[in-house]
Amino acid sequence: MPLFMDVHTLDGSVTMDDVATAHQADLATQGDHGVSYLRYWVDEEAGQIFCLVEAPDAEAANTVHREAHGLVADKIFAVQEGA
């Protein structure tokens, strides 16, 4: 399955707790779209969130975000994992 890294840039800061809540909503929604959100990283001060996701395509990954909490990614990159 293709692997993607998405990037969210918010106006202002964000907390780990807020992102954890959004991530749980993604997990509850992802099965309907054949998507698997794997991990996320947060820069609280910069208001940036990075999500690693397996998905059939970038739009399926963004659809999960849209339906789960409305915070769609600003950018989505197709990535390959290295060692």
N, C-alpha and C. Protein backbone atom coordinates (compact mmCIF):
# COMPACT_ATOMS: atom_id res chain seq x y z
N MET A 1 0.86 -1.18 0.00
CA MET A 1 0.00 0.00 0.00
C MET A 1 0.90 1.23 0.00
N PRO A 2 0.57 2.26 -0.77
CA PRO A 2 1.35 3.49 -0.80
C PRO A 2 1.42 4.16 0.58
N LEU A 3 2.52 4.85 0.81
CA LEU A 3 2.78 5.52 2.08
C LEU A 3 2.87 7.03 1.82
N PHE A 4 2.24 7.81 2.69
CA PHE A 4 2.21 9.27 2.54
C PHE A 4 2.57 9.94 3.86
N MET A 5 3.18 11.12 3.74
CA MET A 5 3.41 12.01 4.88
C MET A 5 2.63 13.28 4.58
N ASP A 6 1.72 13.62 5.50
CA ASP A 6 1.00 14.88 5.28
C ASP A 6 1.44 15.92 6.29
N VAL A 7 1.25 17.18 5.91
CA VAL A 7 1.68 18.31 6.72
C VAL A 7 0.51 19.25 6.92
N HIS A 8 0.27 19.60 8.17
CA HIS A 8 -0.76 20.58 8.53
C HIS A 8 -0.05 21.77 9.17
N THR A 9 -0.36 22.97 8.74
CA THR A 9 0.17 24.17 9.36
C THR A 9 -1.02 24.99 9.86
N LEU A 10 -1.10 25.14 11.18
CA LEU A 10 -2.20 25.86 11.81
C LEU A 10 -1.79 27.29 12.12
N ASP A 11 -2.76 28.17 12.24
CA ASP A 11 -2.48 29.53 12.68
C ASP A 11 -2.30 29.48 14.20
N GLY A 12 -1.11 29.71 14.67
CA GLY A 12 -0.85 29.66 16.10
C GLY A 12 -0.39 28.28 16.54
N SER A 13 -0.30 28.11 17.84
CA SER A 13 0.23 26.87 18.40
C SER A 13 -0.85 25.79 18.44
N VAL A 14 -0.40 24.57 18.75
CA VAL A 14 -1.29 23.42 18.89
C VAL A 14 -0.73 22.57 20.03
N THR A 15 -1.60 21.85 20.72
CA THR A 15 -1.13 21.00 21.81
C THR A 15 -1.13 19.53 21.39
N MET A 16 -0.27 18.76 22.03
CA MET A 16 -0.24 17.32 21.79
C MET A 16 -1.60 16.70 22.10
N ASP A 17 -2.26 17.18 23.15
CA ASP A 17 -3.57 16.64 23.51
C ASP A 17 -4.60 16.86 22.41
N ASP A 18 -4.60 18.04 21.80
CA ASP A 18 -5.53 18.32 20.70
C ASP A 18 -5.26 17.40 19.51
N VAL A 19 -3.98 17.19 19.21
CA VAL A 19 -3.63 16.33 18.08
C VAL A 19 -3.98 14.88 18.39
N ALA A 20 -3.76 14.45 19.62
CA ALA A 20 -4.12 13.09 20.01
C ALA A 20 -5.62 12.85 19.84
N THR A 21 -6.42 13.83 20.19
CA THR A 21 -7.87 13.73 20.02
C THR A 21 -8.24 13.61 18.54
N ALA A 22 -7.63 14.44 17.70
CA ALA A 22 -7.88 14.37 16.26
C ALA A 22 -7.42 13.03 15.69
N HIS A 23 -6.30 12.54 16.16
CA HIS A 23 -5.77 11.25 15.68
C HIS A 23 -6.75 10.12 16.02
N GLN A 24 -7.32 10.14 17.21
CA GLN A 24 -8.30 9.12 17.58
C GLN A 24 -9.51 9.17 16.66
N ALA A 25 -9.93 10.36 16.27
CA ALA A 25 -11.03 10.50 15.32
C ALA A 25 -10.64 9.92 13.96
N ASP A 26 -9.38 10.13 13.54
CA ASP A 26 -8.90 9.53 12.29
C ASP A 26 -8.98 8.01 12.37
N LEU A 27 -8.52 7.44 13.48
CA LEU A 27 -8.52 5.99 13.64
C LEU A 27 -9.95 5.43 13.59
N ALA A 28 -10.90 6.17 14.12
CA ALA A 28 -12.29 5.72 14.11
C ALA A 28 -12.92 5.79 12.73
N THR A 29 -12.35 6.62 11.85
CA THR A 29 -12.92 6.87 10.52
C THR A 29 -12.18 6.13 9.41
N GLN A 30 -10.92 5.82 9.60
CA GLN A 30 -10.05 5.35 8.53
C GLN A 30 -10.51 4.06 7.85
N GLY A 31 -11.11 3.15 8.57
CA GLY A 31 -11.50 1.86 8.00
C GLY A 31 -12.48 1.97 6.85
N ASP A 32 -13.31 2.99 6.86
CA ASP A 32 -14.28 3.18 5.78
C ASP A 32 -13.63 3.53 4.45
N HIS A 33 -12.34 3.90 4.49
CA HIS A 33 -11.65 4.39 3.29
C HIS A 33 -10.40 3.59 2.94
N GLY A 34 -10.17 2.47 3.62
CA GLY A 34 -8.99 1.65 3.33
C GLY A 34 -7.70 2.34 3.68
N VAL A 35 -7.74 3.17 4.74
CA VAL A 35 -6.61 3.99 5.15
C VAL A 35 -6.13 3.54 6.52
N SER A 36 -4.83 3.68 6.78
CA SER A 36 -4.28 3.35 8.09
C SER A 36 -3.31 4.46 8.53
N TYR A 37 -3.77 5.30 9.46
CA TYR A 37 -2.89 6.32 10.03
C TYR A 37 -1.96 5.65 11.02
N LEU A 38 -0.65 5.80 10.81
CA LEU A 38 0.36 5.04 11.55
C LEU A 38 0.97 5.81 12.72
N ARG A 39 1.41 7.03 12.46
CA ARG A 39 2.10 7.83 13.48
C ARG A 39 1.89 9.30 13.17
N TYR A 40 2.19 10.15 14.16
CA TYR A 40 2.16 11.59 13.92
C TYR A 40 3.22 12.26 14.77
N TRP A 41 3.62 13.43 14.33
CA TRP A 41 4.60 14.25 15.03
C TRP A 41 4.05 15.67 15.10
N VAL A 42 4.41 16.38 16.17
CA VAL A 42 3.85 17.71 16.39
C VAL A 42 4.95 18.69 16.79
N ASP A 43 4.93 19.87 16.17
CA ASP A 43 5.71 21.01 16.62
C ASP A 43 4.70 21.96 17.23
N GLU A 44 4.55 21.89 18.56
CA GLU A 44 3.49 22.63 19.24
C GLU A 44 3.59 24.14 19.01
N GLU A 45 4.77 24.70 19.16
CA GLU A 45 4.93 26.16 19.04
C GLU A 45 4.65 26.65 17.62
N ALA A 46 5.12 25.90 16.63
CA ALA A 46 4.95 26.32 15.23
C ALA A 46 3.56 25.98 14.69
N GLY A 47 2.80 25.17 15.44
CA GLY A 47 1.47 24.78 14.96
C GLY A 47 1.53 23.85 13.77
N GLN A 48 2.54 22.98 13.73
CA GLN A 48 2.67 22.06 12.61
C GLN A 48 2.47 20.62 13.08
N ILE A 49 1.79 19.86 12.22
CA ILE A 49 1.50 18.46 12.49
C ILE A 49 1.89 17.66 11.25
N PHE A 50 2.53 16.52 11.48
CA PHE A 50 2.98 15.64 10.41
C PHE A 50 2.39 14.26 10.66
N CYS A 51 1.71 13.70 9.66
CA CYS A 51 1.05 12.40 9.82
C CYS A 51 1.60 11.41 8.80
N LEU A 52 1.93 10.21 9.26
CA LEU A 52 2.35 9.13 8.38
C LEU A 52 1.17 8.19 8.19
N VAL A 53 0.84 7.91 6.94
CA VAL A 53 -0.39 7.17 6.64
C VAL A 53 -0.20 6.24 5.45
N GLU A 54 -0.74 5.04 5.56
CA GLU A 54 -0.87 4.15 4.41
C GLU A 54 -2.26 4.38 3.83
N ALA A 55 -2.33 4.60 2.52
CA ALA A 55 -3.61 4.89 1.89
C ALA A 55 -3.55 4.51 0.42
N PRO A 56 -4.70 4.21 -0.17
CA PRO A 56 -4.70 3.90 -1.60
C PRO A 56 -4.20 5.09 -2.44
N ASP A 57 -4.50 6.31 -1.97
CA ASP A 57 -4.04 7.53 -2.64
C ASP A 57 -4.13 8.69 -1.65
N ALA A 58 -3.56 9.82 -2.04
CA ALA A 58 -3.53 10.99 -1.15
C ALA A 58 -4.93 11.49 -0.84
N GLU A 59 -5.85 11.42 -1.78
CA GLU A 59 -7.20 11.92 -1.54
C GLU A 59 -7.92 11.09 -0.49
N ALA A 60 -7.71 9.79 -0.48
CA ALA A 60 -8.34 8.94 0.55
C ALA A 60 -7.83 9.33 1.93
N ALA A 61 -6.54 9.62 2.04
CA ALA A 61 -5.97 10.05 3.32
C ALA A 61 -6.61 11.36 3.77
N ASN A 62 -6.74 12.31 2.87
CA ASN A 62 -7.32 13.60 3.22
C ASN A 62 -8.82 13.49 3.51
N THR A 63 -9.50 12.57 2.85
CA THR A 63 -10.92 12.36 3.11
C THR A 63 -11.15 11.93 4.56
N VAL A 64 -10.27 11.07 5.07
CA VAL A 64 -10.39 10.65 6.47
C VAL A 64 -10.28 11.86 7.38
N HIS A 65 -9.28 12.71 7.18
CA HIS A 65 -9.14 13.92 8.00
C HIS A 65 -10.39 14.79 7.89
N ARG A 66 -10.87 14.98 6.69
CA ARG A 66 -12.05 15.84 6.46
C ARG A 66 -13.25 15.32 7.23
N GLU A 67 -13.50 14.03 7.12
CA GLU A 67 -14.66 13.45 7.80
C GLU A 67 -14.48 13.34 9.31
N ALA A 68 -13.27 13.07 9.76
CA ALA A 68 -13.01 12.85 11.18
C ALA A 68 -13.06 14.13 12.00
N HIS A 69 -12.44 15.22 11.46
CA HIS A 69 -12.34 16.45 12.26
C HIS A 69 -12.25 17.72 11.44
N GLY A 70 -12.16 17.61 10.13
CA GLY A 70 -12.15 18.79 9.28
C GLY A 70 -10.80 19.44 9.05
N LEU A 71 -9.76 18.93 9.68
CA LEU A 71 -8.43 19.53 9.53
C LEU A 71 -7.66 18.83 8.41
N VAL A 72 -7.93 19.23 7.18
CA VAL A 72 -7.25 18.60 6.04
C VAL A 72 -5.80 19.09 5.96
N ALA A 73 -4.98 18.29 5.32
CA ALA A 73 -3.56 18.61 5.19
C ALA A 73 -3.33 19.73 4.17
N ASP A 74 -2.29 20.52 4.43
CA ASP A 74 -1.88 21.55 3.48
C ASP A 74 -1.10 20.93 2.32
N LYS A 75 -0.32 19.91 2.64
CA LYS A 75 0.49 19.21 1.64
C LYS A 75 0.51 17.73 1.99
N ILE A 76 0.56 16.90 0.96
CA ILE A 76 0.69 15.45 1.14
C ILE A 76 1.78 14.97 0.19
N PHE A 77 2.75 14.26 0.75
CA PHE A 77 3.89 13.75 -0.02
C PHE A 77 3.86 12.23 -0.06
N ALA A 78 4.03 11.65 -1.24
CA ALA A 78 4.25 10.21 -1.35
C ALA A 78 5.68 9.95 -0.90
N VAL A 79 5.85 9.01 0.04
CA VAL A 79 7.18 8.74 0.60
C VAL A 79 7.47 7.24 0.56
N GLN A 80 8.75 6.93 0.67
CA GLN A 80 9.20 5.55 0.81
C GLN A 80 10.04 5.48 2.07
N GLU A 81 9.87 4.40 2.81
CA GLU A 81 10.61 4.25 4.07
C GLU A 81 12.01 3.70 3.79
N GLY A 82 12.98 4.32 4.42
CA GLY A 82 14.35 3.86 4.33
C GLY A 82 14.84 3.36 5.68
N ALA A 83 15.99 2.75 5.68
CA ALA A 83 16.54 2.22 6.93
C ALA A 83 17.50 3.19 7.57
